[in-house]
Amino acid sequence: MEKAKVYFTKEITPEKLIEIYDKLGVKLTGNIGIKVSTGERGAKGYLKAELIEPLVKKLNGTIIECNTAYPGSRNDKEEHLKTAEEHGFTKFAYVDIMDGDGEFKIPVHKGKHLEYDIIGENFKNYDSILNLAHGKGHMMGGFGANLKNQSIGIASRNGKAYIHSCGKTEDPDECWSVEIEQKDFIESMAEAATAVADYLKENNKPILYITVANRLSLNCDCDANQDDPVMEDIGIFASTDPVANDQAFLDAIWNSQDEGKEKLMERIDSRVGRHITEYAESLGLGSTDYELIEI
């Protein structure tokens, strides 16, 4: 079987972001949804408007998001849109909080934990998707990149609760008190990400994956008190395969000469974070075997 291709550039600029998108050789058309984390109010690491604006404009894309399951500045549509505006996204694109208008269930075909995934109602409106992730550490998942952006990121508020509780509750107020095994949570994220990919495939809607690995903090852009980066920026990864793209990001951390990587590696492994790529591969979402092509 041919290895998945992952394109990589060390340069993190708006121009390189467009160039690496073009390298993927798949033209996204129609109503294009660009899944970006808008970043919690107070967070520092989210992808900045000035970095992504030229690519979003080139695609005439809509920034798509869903509300959070935890209390904060993004757990209802009105506050979420205010935060997106404060972070500069509404200046150059329409921002669609997809579960602000409801939600719907999609099947999980091969899951151990989830029977379905619950995603934002407006996800139906898009003909093609760009999963544009920020690669960084994460308090609960160990790290976040394309797989997390596709699972927790596209899930509605109730869907996030369902993933976080490994299928035990859809109630955002209850989900944090449900006892779960960490490995089960990681697998639940992979199951939800696979459900989204399956839904898109069944509806003949293409999706591409880009991860920008900059401002590599231990905690996520969903943390209002996000810490400073612990290691140097790595670069941009792009692929048609989300498993390969996440694996390439992880491998780049492990292969880095930066001493700060020890803290990030400890965060990832203490949360069983690397398990997500092998489990997602077992579900048929993609391959951990890839060829890295530097541009």
C-alpha atoms as a PDB file:
ATOM      1  CA  MET A   1       0.000   0.000   0.000  1.00  0.00           C
ATOM      2  CA  GLU A   2       1.266   3.457  -0.881  1.00  0.00           C
ATOM      3  CA  LYS A   3       2.311   5.558   2.098  1.00  0.00           C
ATOM      4  CA  ALA A   4       0.247   8.605   2.986  1.00  0.00           C
ATOM      5  CA  LYS A   5       1.855  11.844   1.834  1.00  0.00           C
ATOM      6  CA  VAL A   6       2.427  14.542   4.439  1.00  0.00           C
ATOM      7  CA  TYR A   7       3.723  17.874   3.177  1.00  0.00           C
ATOM      8  CA  PHE A   8       5.789  19.974   5.565  1.00  0.00           C
ATOM      9  CA  THR A   9       7.299  23.437   5.727  1.00  0.00           C
ATOM     10  CA  LYS A  10       9.260  25.026   8.562  1.00  0.00           C
ATOM     11  CA  GLU A  11       8.083  28.467   7.484  1.00  0.00           C
ATOM     12  CA  ILE A  12       4.882  29.610   9.155  1.00  0.00           C
ATOM     13  CA  THR A  13       3.580  32.434   6.969  1.00  0.00           C
ATOM     14  CA  PRO A  14       0.291  33.184   5.191  1.00  0.00           C
ATOM     15  CA  GLU A  15       2.053  32.529   1.860  1.00  0.00           C
ATOM     16  CA  LYS A  16       3.341  29.107   2.948  1.00  0.00           C
ATOM     17  CA  LEU A  17      -0.088  28.188   4.271  1.00  0.00           C
ATOM     18  CA  ILE A  18      -1.532  28.792   0.790  1.00  0.00           C
ATOM     19  CA  GLU A  19       1.379  26.982  -0.890  1.00  0.00           C
ATOM     20  CA  ILE A  20       0.987  23.874   1.283  1.00  0.00           C
ATOM     21  CA  TYR A  21      -2.778  23.828   0.683  1.00  0.00           C
ATOM     22  CA  ASP A  22      -2.118  23.936  -3.087  1.00  0.00           C
ATOM     23  CA  LYS A  23       0.379  21.044  -2.788  1.00  0.00           C
ATOM     24  CA  LEU A  24      -2.419  18.717  -1.623  1.00  0.00           C
ATOM     25  CA  GLY A  25      -3.787  18.825  -5.172  1.00  0.00           C
ATOM     26  CA  VAL A  26      -7.458  18.632  -4.144  1.00  0.00           C
ATOM     27  CA  LYS A  27      -9.561  21.654  -5.009  1.00  0.00           C
ATOM     28  CA  LEU A  28     -12.188  22.342  -2.367  1.00  0.00           C
ATOM     29  CA  THR A  29     -15.291  23.756  -4.030  1.00  0.00           C
ATOM     30  CA  GLY A  30     -18.815  24.951  -3.275  1.00  0.00           C
ATOM     31  CA  ASN A  31     -19.656  26.149   0.208  1.00  0.00           C
ATOM     32  CA  ILE A  32     -16.363  25.562   2.048  1.00  0.00           C
ATOM     33  CA  GLY A  33     -16.278  25.196   5.831  1.00  0.00           C
ATOM     34  CA  ILE A  34     -12.944  25.895   7.512  1.00  0.00           C
ATOM     35  CA  LYS A  35     -12.796  24.347  10.977  1.00  0.00           C
ATOM     36  CA  VAL A  36     -10.637  26.549  13.172  1.00  0.00           C
ATOM     37  CA  SER A  37     -10.608  26.903  16.938  1.00  0.00           C
ATOM     38  CA  THR A  38     -11.610  30.490  17.648  1.00  0.00           C
ATOM     39  CA  GLY A  39      -9.717  30.329  20.983  1.00  0.00           C
ATOM     40  CA  GLU A  40     -11.062  31.009  24.452  1.00  0.00           C
ATOM     41  CA  ARG A  41     -11.065  34.637  25.605  1.00  0.00           C
ATOM     42  CA  GLY A  42      -7.679  35.089  27.299  1.00  0.00           C
ATOM     43  CA  ALA A  43      -5.936  32.296  25.390  1.00  0.00           C
ATOM     44  CA  LYS A  44      -2.787  33.181  23.454  1.00  0.00           C
ATOM     45  CA  GLY A  45      -2.057  30.262  21.148  1.00  0.00           C
ATOM     46  CA  TYR A  46      -4.999  30.012  18.727  1.00  0.00           C
ATOM     47  CA  LEU A  47      -4.234  30.496  15.017  1.00  0.00           C
ATOM     48  CA  LYS A  48      -4.124  34.232  14.454  1.00  0.00           C
ATOM     49  CA  ALA A  49      -6.434  35.994  12.020  1.00  0.00           C
ATOM     50  CA  GLU A  50      -3.564  37.538  10.051  1.00  0.00           C
ATOM     51  CA  LEU A  51      -1.992  34.106   9.459  1.00  0.00           C
ATOM     52  CA  ILE A  52      -5.099  32.380   8.108  1.00  0.00           C
ATOM     53  CA  GLU A  53      -6.936  35.317   6.471  1.00  0.00           C
ATOM     54  CA  PRO A  54      -5.347  35.023   2.983  1.00  0.00           C
ATOM     55  CA  LEU A  55      -6.110  31.284   2.729  1.00  0.00           C
ATOM     56  CA  VAL A  56      -9.674  31.690   4.030  1.00  0.00           C
ATOM     57  CA  LYS A  57     -10.261  34.510   1.516  1.00  0.00           C
ATOM     58  CA  LYS A  58      -8.722  32.508  -1.340  1.00  0.00           C
ATOM     59  CA  LEU A  59     -11.226  29.722  -0.628  1.00  0.00           C
ATOM     60  CA  ASN A  60     -14.053  32.169   0.091  1.00  0.00           C
ATOM     61  CA  GLY A  61     -14.540  29.941   3.150  1.00  0.00           C
ATOM     62  CA  THR A  62     -16.707  30.189   6.236  1.00  0.00           C
ATOM     63  CA  ILE A  63     -15.061  29.662   9.619  1.00  0.00           C
ATOM     64  CA  ILE A  64     -17.011  26.896  11.342  1.00  0.00           C
ATOM     65  CA  GLU A  65     -17.084  26.174  15.073  1.00  0.00           C
ATOM     66  CA  CYS A  66     -19.273  24.654  17.797  1.00  0.00           C
ATOM     67  CA  ASN A  67     -19.933  25.719  21.360  1.00  0.00           C
ATOM     68  CA  THR A  68     -17.904  24.367  24.282  1.00  0.00           C
ATOM     69  CA  ALA A  69     -19.205  21.946  26.895  1.00  0.00           C
ATOM     70  CA  TYR A  70     -17.472  23.805  29.726  1.00  0.00           C
ATOM     71  CA  PRO A  71     -18.446  27.272  31.030  1.00  0.00           C
ATOM     72  CA  GLY A  72     -16.524  30.101  29.400  1.00  0.00           C
ATOM     73  CA  SER A  73     -16.661  32.678  26.617  1.00  0.00           C
ATOM     74  CA  ARG A  74     -17.699  30.191  23.918  1.00  0.00           C
ATOM     75  CA  ASN A  75     -20.465  28.040  25.380  1.00  0.00           C
ATOM     76  CA  ASP A  76     -23.351  29.847  23.727  1.00  0.00           C
ATOM     77  CA  LYS A  77     -23.685  31.284  20.226  1.00  0.00           C
ATOM     78  CA  GLU A  78     -23.839  34.966  21.184  1.00  0.00           C
ATOM     79  CA  GLU A  79     -20.784  34.926  23.467  1.00  0.00           C
ATOM     80  CA  HIS A  80     -18.900  32.675  21.081  1.00  0.00           C
ATOM     81  CA  LEU A  81     -19.415  35.109  18.196  1.00  0.00           C
ATOM     82  CA  LYS A  82     -18.228  37.984  20.413  1.00  0.00           C
ATOM     83  CA  THR A  83     -15.050  36.060  21.208  1.00  0.00           C
ATOM     84  CA  ALA A  84     -14.510  35.289  17.517  1.00  0.00           C
ATOM     85  CA  GLU A  85     -14.917  38.996  16.787  1.00  0.00           C
ATOM     86  CA  GLU A  86     -12.431  39.960  19.519  1.00  0.00           C
ATOM     87  CA  HIS A  87      -9.945  37.533  17.987  1.00  0.00           C
ATOM     88  CA  GLY A  88     -10.303  39.162  14.565  1.00  0.00           C
ATOM     89  CA  PHE A  89     -12.018  36.364  12.640  1.00  0.00           C
ATOM     90  CA  THR A  90     -15.254  38.162  11.778  1.00  0.00           C
ATOM     91  CA  LYS A  91     -13.305  40.957  10.004  1.00  0.00           C
ATOM     92  CA  PHE A  92     -12.545  38.734   7.012  1.00  0.00           C
ATOM     93  CA  ALA A  93     -14.975  35.793   7.134  1.00  0.00           C
ATOM     94  CA  TYR A  94     -18.421  34.753   8.203  1.00  0.00           C
ATOM     95  CA  VAL A  95     -18.227  32.726  11.420  1.00  0.00           C
ATOM     96  CA  ASP A  96     -20.820  29.961  11.770  1.00  0.00           C
ATOM     97  CA  ILE A  97     -21.370  28.543  15.266  1.00  0.00           C
ATOM     98  CA  MET A  98     -22.867  25.380  13.802  1.00  0.00           C
ATOM     99  CA  ASP A  99     -24.727  24.113  16.870  1.00  0.00           C
ATOM    100  CA  GLY A 100     -26.243  27.530  17.534  1.00  0.00           C
ATOM    101  CA  ASP A 101     -29.035  26.314  15.244  1.00  0.00           C
ATOM    102  CA  GLY A 102     -29.342  22.780  16.620  1.00  0.00           C
ATOM    103  CA  GLU A 103     -27.543  19.481  16.186  1.00  0.00           C
ATOM    104  CA  PHE A 104     -27.882  16.072  14.565  1.00  0.00           C
ATOM    105  CA  LYS A 105     -26.536  12.579  15.108  1.00  0.00           C
ATOM    106  CA  ILE A 106     -24.286  10.649  12.760  1.00  0.00           C
ATOM    107  CA  PRO A 107     -23.450   6.963  13.216  1.00  0.00           C
ATOM    108  CA  VAL A 108     -20.225   5.599  14.668  1.00  0.00           C
ATOM    109  CA  HIS A 109     -19.764   2.413  12.652  1.00  0.00           C
ATOM    110  CA  LYS A 110     -16.953   0.661  14.521  1.00  0.00           C
ATOM    111  CA  GLY A 111     -16.945   2.169  17.994  1.00  0.00           C
ATOM    112  CA  LYS A 112     -16.301   0.524  21.341  1.00  0.00           C
ATOM    113  CA  HIS A 113     -17.514   3.540  23.312  1.00  0.00           C
ATOM    114  CA  LEU A 114     -19.789   5.728  21.160  1.00  0.00           C
ATOM    115  CA  GLU A 115     -22.915   4.658  19.313  1.00  0.00           C
ATOM    116  CA  TYR A 116     -23.089   7.958  17.431  1.00  0.00           C
ATOM    117  CA  ASP A 117     -21.563  11.418  17.260  1.00  0.00           C
ATOM    118  CA  ILE A 118     -23.605  14.605  17.736  1.00  0.00           C
ATOM    119  CA  ILE A 119     -22.480  17.467  15.518  1.00  0.00           C
ATOM    120  CA  GLY A 120     -23.565  21.029  14.790  1.00  0.00           C
ATOM    121  CA  GLU A 121     -26.696  21.260  12.599  1.00  0.00           C
ATOM    122  CA  ASN A 122     -25.087  23.628  10.099  1.00  0.00           C
ATOM    123  CA  PHE A 123     -22.324  21.152   9.222  1.00  0.00           C
ATOM    124  CA  LYS A 124     -24.856  19.840   6.673  1.00  0.00           C
ATOM    125  CA  ASN A 125     -24.571  23.109   4.743  1.00  0.00           C
ATOM    126  CA  TYR A 126     -20.964  22.651   3.600  1.00  0.00           C
ATOM    127  CA  ASP A 127     -19.849  20.985   0.371  1.00  0.00           C
ATOM    128  CA  SER A 128     -16.211  20.587   1.402  1.00  0.00           C
ATOM    129  CA  ILE A 129     -14.161  21.028   4.565  1.00  0.00           C
ATOM    130  CA  LEU A 130     -10.699  22.237   5.528  1.00  0.00           C
ATOM    131  CA  ASN A 131      -9.686  20.974   8.958  1.00  0.00           C
ATOM    132  CA  LEU A 132      -7.238  23.734   9.921  1.00  0.00           C
ATOM    133  CA  ALA A 133      -5.831  22.832  13.321  1.00  0.00           C
ATOM    134  CA  HIS A 134      -3.403  24.382  15.768  1.00  0.00           C
ATOM    135  CA  GLY A 135      -0.949  21.762  17.031  1.00  0.00           C
ATOM    136  CA  LYS A 136      -0.222  22.134  20.760  1.00  0.00           C
ATOM    137  CA  GLY A 137      -0.465  20.322  24.080  1.00  0.00           C
ATOM    138  CA  HIS A 138      -3.789  19.702  25.789  1.00  0.00           C
ATOM    139  CA  MET A 139      -4.834  19.334  29.416  1.00  0.00           C
ATOM    140  CA  MET A 140      -7.164  16.400  28.759  1.00  0.00           C
ATOM    141  CA  GLY A 141      -6.113  14.862  25.451  1.00  0.00           C
ATOM    142  CA  GLY A 142      -2.337  15.261  25.815  1.00  0.00           C
ATOM    143  CA  PHE A 143      -2.180  17.109  22.502  1.00  0.00           C
ATOM    144  CA  GLY A 144      -4.561  18.591  19.994  1.00  0.00           C
ATOM    145  CA  ALA A 145      -4.250  18.642  16.204  1.00  0.00           C
ATOM    146  CA  ASN A 146      -6.456  17.428  13.321  1.00  0.00           C
ATOM    147  CA  LEU A 147      -8.063  14.445  15.078  1.00  0.00           C
ATOM    148  CA  LYS A 148      -9.120  16.516  18.063  1.00  0.00           C
ATOM    149  CA  ASN A 149     -10.278  19.370  15.807  1.00  0.00           C
ATOM    150  CA  GLN A 150     -12.493  16.885  13.945  1.00  0.00           C
ATOM    151  CA  SER A 151     -13.921  15.148  17.014  1.00  0.00           C
ATOM    152  CA  ILE A 152     -14.387  17.570  19.909  1.00  0.00           C
ATOM    153  CA  GLY A 153     -14.203  20.504  17.466  1.00  0.00           C
ATOM    154  CA  ILE A 154     -17.106  19.527  15.198  1.00  0.00           C
ATOM    155  CA  ALA A 155     -19.219  18.006  17.982  1.00  0.00           C
ATOM    156  CA  SER A 156     -22.039  20.148  19.339  1.00  0.00           C
ATOM    157  CA  ARG A 157     -22.049  21.174  22.997  1.00  0.00           C
ATOM    158  CA  ASN A 158     -23.975  17.999  23.868  1.00  0.00           C
ATOM    159  CA  GLY A 159     -21.785  16.001  21.498  1.00  0.00           C
ATOM    160  CA  LYS A 160     -18.683  17.172  23.335  1.00  0.00           C
ATOM    161  CA  ALA A 161     -20.253  15.980  26.596  1.00  0.00           C
ATOM    162  CA  TYR A 162     -20.976  12.616  24.976  1.00  0.00           C
ATOM    163  CA  ILE A 163     -17.343  12.215  23.801  1.00  0.00           C
ATOM    164  CA  HIS A 164     -15.858  13.418  27.099  1.00  0.00           C
ATOM    165  CA  SER A 165     -18.002  10.929  29.037  1.00  0.00           C
ATOM    166  CA  CYS A 166     -17.143   8.096  26.583  1.00  0.00           C
ATOM    167  CA  GLY A 167     -20.794   7.724  25.603  1.00  0.00           C
ATOM    168  CA  LYS A 168     -22.322   7.870  29.092  1.00  0.00           C
ATOM    169  CA  THR A 169     -24.121  11.238  28.978  1.00  0.00           C
ATOM    170  CA  GLU A 170     -25.014  14.040  26.563  1.00  0.00           C
ATOM    171  CA  ASP A 171     -25.428  16.530  29.416  1.00  0.00           C
ATOM    172  CA  PRO A 172     -22.625  19.146  29.560  1.00  0.00           C
ATOM    173  CA  ASP A 173     -23.307  19.700  33.285  1.00  0.00           C
ATOM    174  CA  GLU A 174     -23.022  16.004  34.082  1.00  0.00           C
ATOM    175  CA  CYS A 175     -20.173  14.916  31.841  1.00  0.00           C
ATOM    176  CA  TRP A 176     -17.348  16.261  34.020  1.00  0.00           C
ATOM    177  CA  SER A 177     -18.400  14.134  37.005  1.00  0.00           C
ATOM    178  CA  VAL A 178     -18.608  10.859  35.038  1.00  0.00           C
ATOM    179  CA  GLU A 179     -15.743   8.511  35.865  1.00  0.00           C
ATOM    180  CA  ILE A 180     -13.902   7.336  32.776  1.00  0.00           C
ATOM    181  CA  GLU A 181     -10.647   5.642  31.820  1.00  0.00           C
ATOM    182  CA  GLN A 182      -8.270   8.049  30.076  1.00  0.00           C
ATOM    183  CA  LYS A 183      -7.594   5.575  27.264  1.00  0.00           C
ATOM    184  CA  ASP A 184     -11.340   5.302  26.645  1.00  0.00           C
ATOM    185  CA  PHE A 185     -11.588   9.087  26.241  1.00  0.00           C
ATOM    186  CA  ILE A 186      -8.749   9.088  23.689  1.00  0.00           C
ATOM    187  CA  GLU A 187     -10.498   6.275  21.797  1.00  0.00           C
ATOM    188  CA  SER A 188     -13.835   8.120  21.958  1.00  0.00           C
ATOM    189  CA  MET A 189     -12.217  11.122  20.250  1.00  0.00           C
ATOM    190  CA  ALA A 190     -10.872   8.854  17.488  1.00  0.00           C
ATOM    191  CA  GLU A 191     -14.321   7.292  17.042  1.00  0.00           C
ATOM    192  CA  ALA A 192     -15.979  10.706  16.702  1.00  0.00           C
ATOM    193  CA  ALA A 193     -13.328  11.907  14.221  1.00  0.00           C
ATOM    194  CA  THR A 194     -13.878   8.748  12.152  1.00  0.00           C
ATOM    195  CA  ALA A 195     -17.657   9.256  12.219  1.00  0.00           C
ATOM    196  CA  VAL A 196     -17.218  12.748  10.729  1.00  0.00           C
ATOM    197  CA  ALA A 197     -14.895  11.413   7.995  1.00  0.00           C
ATOM    198  CA  ASP A 198     -17.373   8.616   7.209  1.00  0.00           C
ATOM    199  CA  TYR A 199     -20.280  11.080   7.031  1.00  0.00           C
ATOM    200  CA  LEU A 200     -18.352  13.283   4.586  1.00  0.00           C
ATOM    201  CA  LYS A 201     -17.316  10.312   2.446  1.00  0.00           C
ATOM    202  CA  GLU A 202     -20.869   8.954   2.319  1.00  0.00           C
ATOM    203  CA  ASN A 203     -22.041  12.376   1.102  1.00  0.00           C
ATOM    204  CA  ASN A 204     -19.192  12.818  -1.425  1.00  0.00           C
ATOM    205  CA  LYS A 205     -17.788  15.817   0.418  1.00  0.00           C
ATOM    206  CA  PRO A 206     -13.976  16.154   0.418  1.00  0.00           C
ATOM    207  CA  ILE A 207     -11.917  17.159   3.459  1.00  0.00           C
ATOM    208  CA  LEU A 208      -8.277  18.268   3.735  1.00  0.00           C
ATOM    209  CA  TYR A 209      -6.060  18.499   6.806  1.00  0.00           C
ATOM    210  CA  ILE A 210      -3.559  21.176   7.840  1.00  0.00           C
ATOM    211  CA  THR A 211      -1.884  21.544  11.234  1.00  0.00           C
ATOM    212  CA  VAL A 212       0.092  24.651  12.166  1.00  0.00           C
ATOM    213  CA  ALA A 213       2.566  23.694  14.897  1.00  0.00           C
ATOM    214  CA  ASN A 214       3.410  27.026  16.489  1.00  0.00           C
ATOM    215  CA  ARG A 215       3.184  28.483  19.994  1.00  0.00           C
ATOM    216  CA  LEU A 216       3.572  24.977  21.417  1.00  0.00           C
ATOM    217  CA  SER A 217       2.193  25.320  24.916  1.00  0.00           C
ATOM    218  CA  LEU A 218       1.245  22.466  27.246  1.00  0.00           C
ATOM    219  CA  ASN A 219      -2.365  23.599  27.361  1.00  0.00           C
ATOM    220  CA  CYS A 220      -4.948  24.188  24.684  1.00  0.00           C
ATOM    221  CA  ASP A 221      -6.411  27.301  23.093  1.00  0.00           C
ATOM    222  CA  CYS A 222      -9.570  26.416  25.039  1.00  0.00           C
ATOM    223  CA  ASP A 223      -7.714  27.445  28.238  1.00  0.00           C
ATOM    224  CA  ALA A 224      -8.301  31.094  29.191  1.00  0.00           C
ATOM    225  CA  ASN A 225      -5.060  30.970  31.224  1.00  0.00           C
ATOM    226  CA  GLN A 226      -3.010  29.279  28.513  1.00  0.00           C
ATOM    227  CA  ASP A 227       0.678  28.988  29.383  1.00  0.00           C
ATOM    228  CA  ASP A 228       3.557  30.272  27.261  1.00  0.00           C
ATOM    229  CA  PRO A 229       5.140  27.994  24.628  1.00  0.00           C
ATOM    230  CA  VAL A 230       7.506  25.342  25.996  1.00  0.00           C
ATOM    231  CA  MET A 231       9.393  24.777  22.732  1.00  0.00           C
ATOM    232  CA  GLU A 232      10.180  26.458  19.422  1.00  0.00           C
ATOM    233  CA  ASP A 233       7.726  26.507  16.529  1.00  0.00           C
ATOM    234  CA  ILE A 234       7.972  23.417  14.291  1.00  0.00           C
ATOM    235  CA  GLY A 235       6.147  24.302  11.059  1.00  0.00           C
ATOM    236  CA  ILE A 236       3.071  23.417   8.996  1.00  0.00           C
ATOM    237  CA  PHE A 237       1.897  19.885   8.124  1.00  0.00           C
ATOM    238  CA  ALA A 238      -0.680  19.090   5.433  1.00  0.00           C
ATOM    239  CA  SER A 239      -2.218  15.856   4.184  1.00  0.00           C
ATOM    240  CA  THR A 240      -5.362  14.201   2.870  1.00  0.00           C
ATOM    241  CA  ASP A 241      -4.898  11.737   5.783  1.00  0.00           C
ATOM    242  CA  PRO A 242      -5.617  13.025   9.314  1.00  0.00           C
ATOM    243  CA  VAL A 243      -3.917  10.101  11.057  1.00  0.00           C
ATOM    244  CA  ALA A 244      -0.711  10.585   9.066  1.00  0.00           C
ATOM    245  CA  ASN A 245      -0.817  14.341   9.683  1.00  0.00           C
ATOM    246  CA  ASP A 246      -1.211  13.932  13.465  1.00  0.00           C
ATOM    247  CA  GLN A 247       1.484  11.232  13.481  1.00  0.00           C
ATOM    248  CA  ALA A 248       3.910  13.499  11.605  1.00  0.00           C
ATOM    249  CA  PHE A 249       3.272  16.266  14.140  1.00  0.00           C
ATOM    250  CA  LEU A 250       3.932  13.878  17.054  1.00  0.00           C
ATOM    251  CA  ASP A 251       7.071  12.492  15.413  1.00  0.00           C
ATOM    252  CA  ALA A 252       8.383  16.025  14.863  1.00  0.00           C
ATOM    253  CA  ILE A 253       8.074  16.709  18.607  1.00  0.00           C
ATOM    254  CA  TRP A 254       9.857  13.473  19.510  1.00  0.00           C
ATOM    255  CA  ASN A 255      12.604  14.077  16.899  1.00  0.00           C
ATOM    256  CA  SER A 256      13.145  17.725  17.840  1.00  0.00           C
ATOM    257  CA  GLN A 257      16.471  18.950  19.217  1.00  0.00           C
ATOM    258  CA  ASP A 258      14.607  21.433  21.432  1.00  0.00           C
ATOM    259  CA  GLU A 259      15.025  20.603  25.137  1.00  0.00           C
ATOM    260  CA  GLY A 260      11.564  22.020  25.856  1.00  0.00           C
ATOM    261  CA  LYS A 261      10.095  18.991  24.087  1.00  0.00           C
ATOM    262  CA  GLU A 262      10.522  16.940  27.300  1.00  0.00           C
ATOM    263  CA  LYS A 263       7.656  18.829  28.974  1.00  0.00           C
ATOM    264  CA  LEU A 264       5.386  18.409  25.960  1.00  0.00           C
ATOM    265  CA  MET A 265       6.241  14.711  25.579  1.00  0.00           C
ATOM    266  CA  GLU A 266       5.479  14.161  29.273  1.00  0.00           C
ATOM    267  CA  ARG A 267       2.128  15.951  28.892  1.00  0.00           C
ATOM    268  CA  ILE A 268       1.206  13.837  25.865  1.00  0.00           C
ATOM    269  CA  ASP A 269       2.248  10.486  27.341  1.00  0.00           C
ATOM    270  CA  SER A 270       0.756  11.162  30.787  1.00  0.00           C
ATOM    271  CA  ARG A 271      -2.608  11.493  28.974  1.00  0.00           C
ATOM    272  CA  VAL A 272      -2.073   8.440  26.720  1.00  0.00           C
ATOM    273  CA  GLY A 273      -2.216  10.978  23.865  1.00  0.00           C
ATOM    274  CA  ARG A 274      -0.257   9.031  21.264  1.00  0.00           C
ATOM    275  CA  HIS A 275      -2.789   6.207  21.400  1.00  0.00           C
ATOM    276  CA  ILE A 276      -5.190   8.288  19.291  1.00  0.00           C
ATOM    277  CA  THR A 277      -3.303   7.728  16.031  1.00  0.00           C
ATOM    278  CA  GLU A 278      -2.937   3.955  16.416  1.00  0.00           C
ATOM    279  CA  TYR A 279      -6.566   3.568  17.459  1.00  0.00           C
ATOM    280  CA  ALA A 280      -7.797   5.818  14.626  1.00  0.00           C
ATOM    281  CA  GLU A 281      -5.719   3.712  12.227  1.00  0.00           C
ATOM    282  CA  SER A 282      -7.403   0.539  13.553  1.00  0.00           C
ATOM    283  CA  LEU A 283     -10.784   2.171  12.778  1.00  0.00           C
ATOM    284  CA  GLY A 284      -9.703   2.741   9.175  1.00  0.00           C
ATOM    285  CA  LEU A 285      -9.482   6.535   9.411  1.00  0.00           C
ATOM    286  CA  GLY A 286      -5.963   6.695   8.003  1.00  0.00           C
ATOM    287  CA  SER A 287      -2.405   5.454   8.304  1.00  0.00           C
ATOM    288  CA  THR A 288       0.437   6.101  10.759  1.00  0.00           C
ATOM    289  CA  ASP A 289       2.829   5.166   7.920  1.00  0.00           C
ATOM    290  CA  TYR A 290       3.641   8.250   5.860  1.00  0.00           C
ATOM    291  CA  GLU A 291       6.162   9.923   3.623  1.00  0.00           C
ATOM    292  CA  LEU A 292       7.223  13.422   4.726  1.00  0.00           C
ATOM    293  CA  ILE A 293       7.696  15.786   1.782  1.00  0.00           C
ATOM    294  CA  GLU A 294       9.379  19.068   2.684  1.00  0.00           C
ATOM    295  CA  ILE A 295       8.468  22.099   0.588  1.00  0.00           C
END
